[in-house]
Protein backbone atom coordinates (compact mmCIF):
# COMPACT_ATOMS: atom_id res chain seq x y z
CA UNK A 1 -29.24 115.28 200.69
CA UNK A 2 -32.44 117.05 199.56
CA UNK A 3 -34.86 117.95 202.36
CA UNK A 4 -37.57 115.50 201.24
CA UNK A 5 -35.11 112.61 201.03
CA UNK A 6 -33.62 113.56 204.41
CA UNK A 7 -37.13 113.63 205.94
CA UNK A 8 -37.90 110.20 204.47
CA UNK A 9 -34.64 108.73 205.76
CA UNK A 10 -35.40 110.09 209.23
CA UNK A 11 -38.91 108.62 209.09
CA UNK A 12 -37.47 105.21 208.15
CA UNK A 13 -34.92 105.36 210.97
CA UNK A 14 -37.61 106.27 213.51
CA UNK A 15 -39.88 103.44 212.37
CA UNK A 16 -37.01 100.92 212.37
CA UNK A 17 -36.10 101.90 215.92
CA UNK A 18 -39.70 101.46 217.07
CA UNK A 19 -40.08 98.07 215.38
CA UNK A 20 -36.78 96.75 216.72
CA UNK A 21 -37.83 97.69 220.24
CA UNK A 22 -41.17 95.90 219.78
CA UNK A 23 -39.32 92.80 218.59
CA UNK A 24 -36.98 92.86 221.59
CA UNK A 25 -40.00 93.00 223.91
CA UNK A 26 -41.96 90.28 222.13
CA UNK A 27 -42.65 87.63 224.77
CA UNK A 28 -44.47 84.84 222.88
CA UNK A 29 -41.80 83.94 220.30
CA UNK A 30 -42.15 80.21 221.01
CA UNK A 31 -45.85 80.31 220.17
CA UNK A 32 -45.08 82.34 217.04
CA UNK A 33 -42.57 79.68 215.98
CA UNK A 34 -45.18 76.93 216.10
CA UNK A 35 -47.61 79.03 214.10
CA UNK A 36 -44.99 79.97 211.51
CA UNK A 37 -43.99 76.33 211.13
CA UNK A 38 -47.63 75.46 210.43
CA UNK A 39 -48.26 78.29 207.98
CA UNK A 40 -44.96 77.83 206.14
CA UNK A 41 -45.62 74.16 205.53
CA UNK A 42 -49.22 74.92 204.57
CA UNK A 43 -47.90 77.45 202.03
CA UNK A 44 -45.56 74.89 200.48
CA UNK A 45 -48.42 72.41 200.25
CA UNK A 46 -50.75 74.98 198.67
CA UNK A 47 -48.12 75.76 196.02
CA UNK A 48 -47.81 72.02 195.28
CA UNK A 49 -44.04 72.30 195.19
CA UNK A 50 -42.41 69.06 194.05
CA UNK A 51 -40.05 67.26 196.39
CA UNK A 52 -36.53 68.70 196.42
CA UNK A 53 -37.75 72.13 195.36
CA UNK A 54 -35.33 74.96 196.11
CA UNK A 55 -36.54 77.32 198.82
CA UNK A 56 -34.59 80.52 199.42
CA UNK A 57 -34.91 81.58 203.04
CA UNK A 58 -32.84 83.21 205.78
CA UNK A 59 -31.42 82.25 209.16
CA UNK A 60 -33.17 84.67 211.52
CA UNK A 61 -31.58 86.81 214.16
CA UNK A 62 -32.97 86.20 217.68
CA UNK A 63 -35.55 88.98 217.26
CA UNK A 64 -36.64 88.05 213.74
CA UNK A 65 -39.59 85.75 212.94
CA UNK A 66 -38.50 82.27 214.13
CA UNK A 67 -38.69 80.22 210.95
CA UNK A 68 -35.87 77.77 211.75
CA UNK A 69 -38.17 74.94 212.84
CA UNK A 70 -40.23 75.38 209.69
CA UNK A 71 -37.08 75.21 207.56
CA UNK A 72 -35.99 72.05 209.36
CA UNK A 73 -39.35 70.46 208.61
CA UNK A 74 -39.09 71.39 204.92
CA UNK A 75 -35.52 70.08 204.76
CA UNK A 76 -36.65 66.80 206.33
CA UNK A 77 -39.34 66.57 203.64
CA UNK A 78 -36.67 66.69 200.93
CA UNK A 79 -36.59 70.34 199.96
CA UNK A 80 -33.31 72.18 199.39
CA UNK A 81 -32.96 75.28 201.57
CA UNK A 82 -30.58 78.04 200.51
CA UNK A 83 -29.74 81.05 202.69
CA UNK A 84 -27.93 84.35 202.03
CA UNK A 85 -24.28 85.21 202.48
CA UNK A 86 -23.44 88.90 202.75
CA UNK A 87 -20.50 90.44 200.87
CA UNK A 88 -18.53 93.68 201.41
CA UNK A 89 -20.15 94.98 198.20
CA UNK A 90 -23.57 94.67 199.92
CA UNK A 91 -24.61 91.91 197.55
CA UNK A 92 -25.94 88.50 198.52
CA UNK A 93 -24.48 85.12 197.63
CA UNK A 94 -26.32 81.91 198.50
CA UNK A 95 -25.44 78.61 200.12
CA UNK A 96 -27.31 75.39 200.86
CA UNK A 97 -28.32 74.95 204.50
CA UNK A 98 -29.33 71.90 206.51
CA UNK A 99 -29.76 71.50 210.29
CA UNK A 100 -26.31 69.89 210.26
CA UNK A 101 -24.55 72.77 208.48
CA UNK A 102 -21.45 74.28 210.06
CA UNK A 103 -22.21 77.96 210.61
CA UNK A 104 -20.17 81.07 211.26
CA UNK A 105 -21.43 84.44 212.46
CA UNK A 106 -20.75 87.38 210.15
CA UNK A 107 -20.10 91.01 211.09
CA UNK A 108 -23.85 91.69 211.19
CA UNK A 109 -24.45 88.89 213.68
CA UNK A 110 -26.09 86.66 211.04
CA UNK A 111 -25.34 82.95 210.86
CA UNK A 112 -23.92 81.78 207.52
CA UNK A 113 -22.97 78.34 206.16
CA UNK A 114 -19.48 77.57 204.93
CA UNK A 115 -18.50 77.74 201.22
CA UNK A 116 -19.01 76.93 198.41
CA UNK A 117 -21.34 79.81 197.56
CA UNK A 118 -23.64 80.45 194.63
CA UNK A 119 -24.56 83.65 192.80
CA UNK A 120 -27.88 85.47 192.89
CA UNK A 121 -29.06 83.16 190.10
CA UNK A 122 -29.57 80.49 192.77
CA UNK A 123 -32.10 82.81 194.42
CA UNK A 124 -33.86 83.54 191.13
CA UNK A 125 -34.04 79.80 190.38
CA UNK A 126 -35.75 79.02 193.71
CA UNK A 127 -39.40 77.95 193.58
CA UNK A 128 -40.22 79.84 196.79
CA UNK A 129 -38.41 82.73 198.45
CA UNK A 130 -38.83 84.02 202.00
CA UNK A 131 -37.70 87.64 202.32
CA UNK A 132 -37.02 89.11 205.78
CA UNK A 133 -38.66 92.46 206.51
CA UNK A 134 -39.03 94.80 209.46
CA UNK A 135 -42.39 95.94 208.11
CA UNK A 136 -44.47 95.69 204.95
CA UNK A 137 -47.02 98.19 203.72
CA UNK A 138 -50.42 97.11 202.47
CA UNK A 139 -49.22 98.14 198.99
CA UNK A 140 -46.34 95.65 199.19
CA UNK A 141 -43.58 98.12 199.99
CA UNK A 142 -40.89 96.51 202.15
CA UNK A 143 -38.98 98.16 204.97
CA UNK A 144 -35.73 96.30 205.56
CA UNK A 145 -32.91 96.76 208.03
CA UNK A 146 -31.35 99.51 205.92
CA UNK A 147 -28.46 97.73 204.19
CA UNK A 148 -30.12 97.57 200.78
CA UNK A 149 -29.08 93.95 200.14
CA UNK A 150 -32.52 92.74 199.13
CA UNK A 151 -33.44 95.92 197.23
CA UNK A 152 -30.46 95.30 194.94
CA UNK A 153 -31.33 91.64 194.59
CA UNK A 154 -35.03 92.13 193.91
CA UNK A 155 -34.48 94.97 191.43
CA UNK A 156 -33.56 92.38 188.77
CA UNK A 157 -35.95 89.63 189.87
CA UNK A 158 -37.77 88.14 186.84
CA UNK A 159 -40.42 86.34 188.95
CA UNK A 160 -41.35 88.53 191.95
CA UNK A 161 -44.56 86.58 192.51
CA UNK A 162 -42.44 83.87 194.16
CA UNK A 163 -41.39 86.23 196.97
CA UNK A 164 -43.04 86.17 200.38
CA UNK A 165 -42.11 88.86 202.87
CA UNK A 166 -41.65 87.25 206.27
CA UNK A 167 -42.51 89.35 209.29
CA UNK A 168 -44.76 89.49 212.35
CA UNK A 169 -48.46 90.20 211.91
CA UNK A 170 -48.31 93.60 213.66
CA UNK A 171 -45.64 94.68 211.16
CA UNK A 172 -48.11 94.63 208.26
CA UNK A 173 -48.87 98.34 208.20
CA UNK A 174 -51.20 100.56 206.13
CA UNK A 175 -48.05 102.09 204.62
CA UNK A 176 -44.31 102.36 205.20
CA UNK A 177 -41.95 105.17 204.15
CA UNK A 178 -40.51 104.12 200.80
CA UNK A 179 -38.23 105.33 198.05
CA UNK A 180 -38.47 104.30 194.38
CA UNK A 181 -35.81 101.60 194.75
CA UNK A 182 -37.43 99.95 197.76
CA UNK A 183 -38.65 96.46 196.87
CA UNK A 184 -42.30 95.52 196.54
CA UNK A 185 -43.71 92.18 197.64
CA UNK A 186 -46.86 90.41 196.49
CA UNK A 187 -47.37 88.32 199.64
CA UNK A 188 -46.46 88.30 203.31
CA UNK A 189 -46.08 85.32 205.65
CA UNK A 190 -46.69 85.94 209.35
CA UNK A 191 -47.47 83.86 212.42
CA UNK A 192 -51.14 84.50 211.64
CA UNK A 193 -50.95 83.18 208.09
CA UNK A 194 -50.64 84.60 204.59
CA UNK A 195 -51.47 88.14 203.51
CA UNK A 196 -52.00 89.12 199.88
CA UNK A 197 -50.67 92.62 199.28
CA UNK A 198 -52.14 95.22 196.94
CA UNK A 199 -49.12 95.83 194.74
CA UNK A 200 -49.71 98.57 192.17
């Protein structure tokens, strides 16, 4: 690995470690959940999405932004929620989710619905997409968990303006270490509301 790339990888690893520790120590997650519920539903209303729109989201780990209640509210309002399924090839499939879905926990500790699964086209067809992130730079660069699942998915995305990085407000940073293949996002959704990012 070239020195510059090695240095960048080490910088990413250091930042990920710091952010994960901050998430573990976050003590007002319940309050953040209420705020995220409000801002998520406000976003859907502002986009004037028709009833039964497809919303691609994710089922958060315990330390990730708590969007479950917001997804339940949207499902109760008639929207179709789809969530990712990881594969050994580090690609993402998609499956419909409701509060009544039977879930299993994958090797990464992420909850996933049962089959049948859909291809990445289901994600591209969604009217709104919530993308998990550990941090997002002001220029839209996304720092993920390191698996590359979303970078591969978003590389071929024909409508990136539908993507909203979902993270905590303190994880919107002036910049994050990024490589050419790291995804860019136009917007971020946090417990404090929406952030428009300066994507170049």
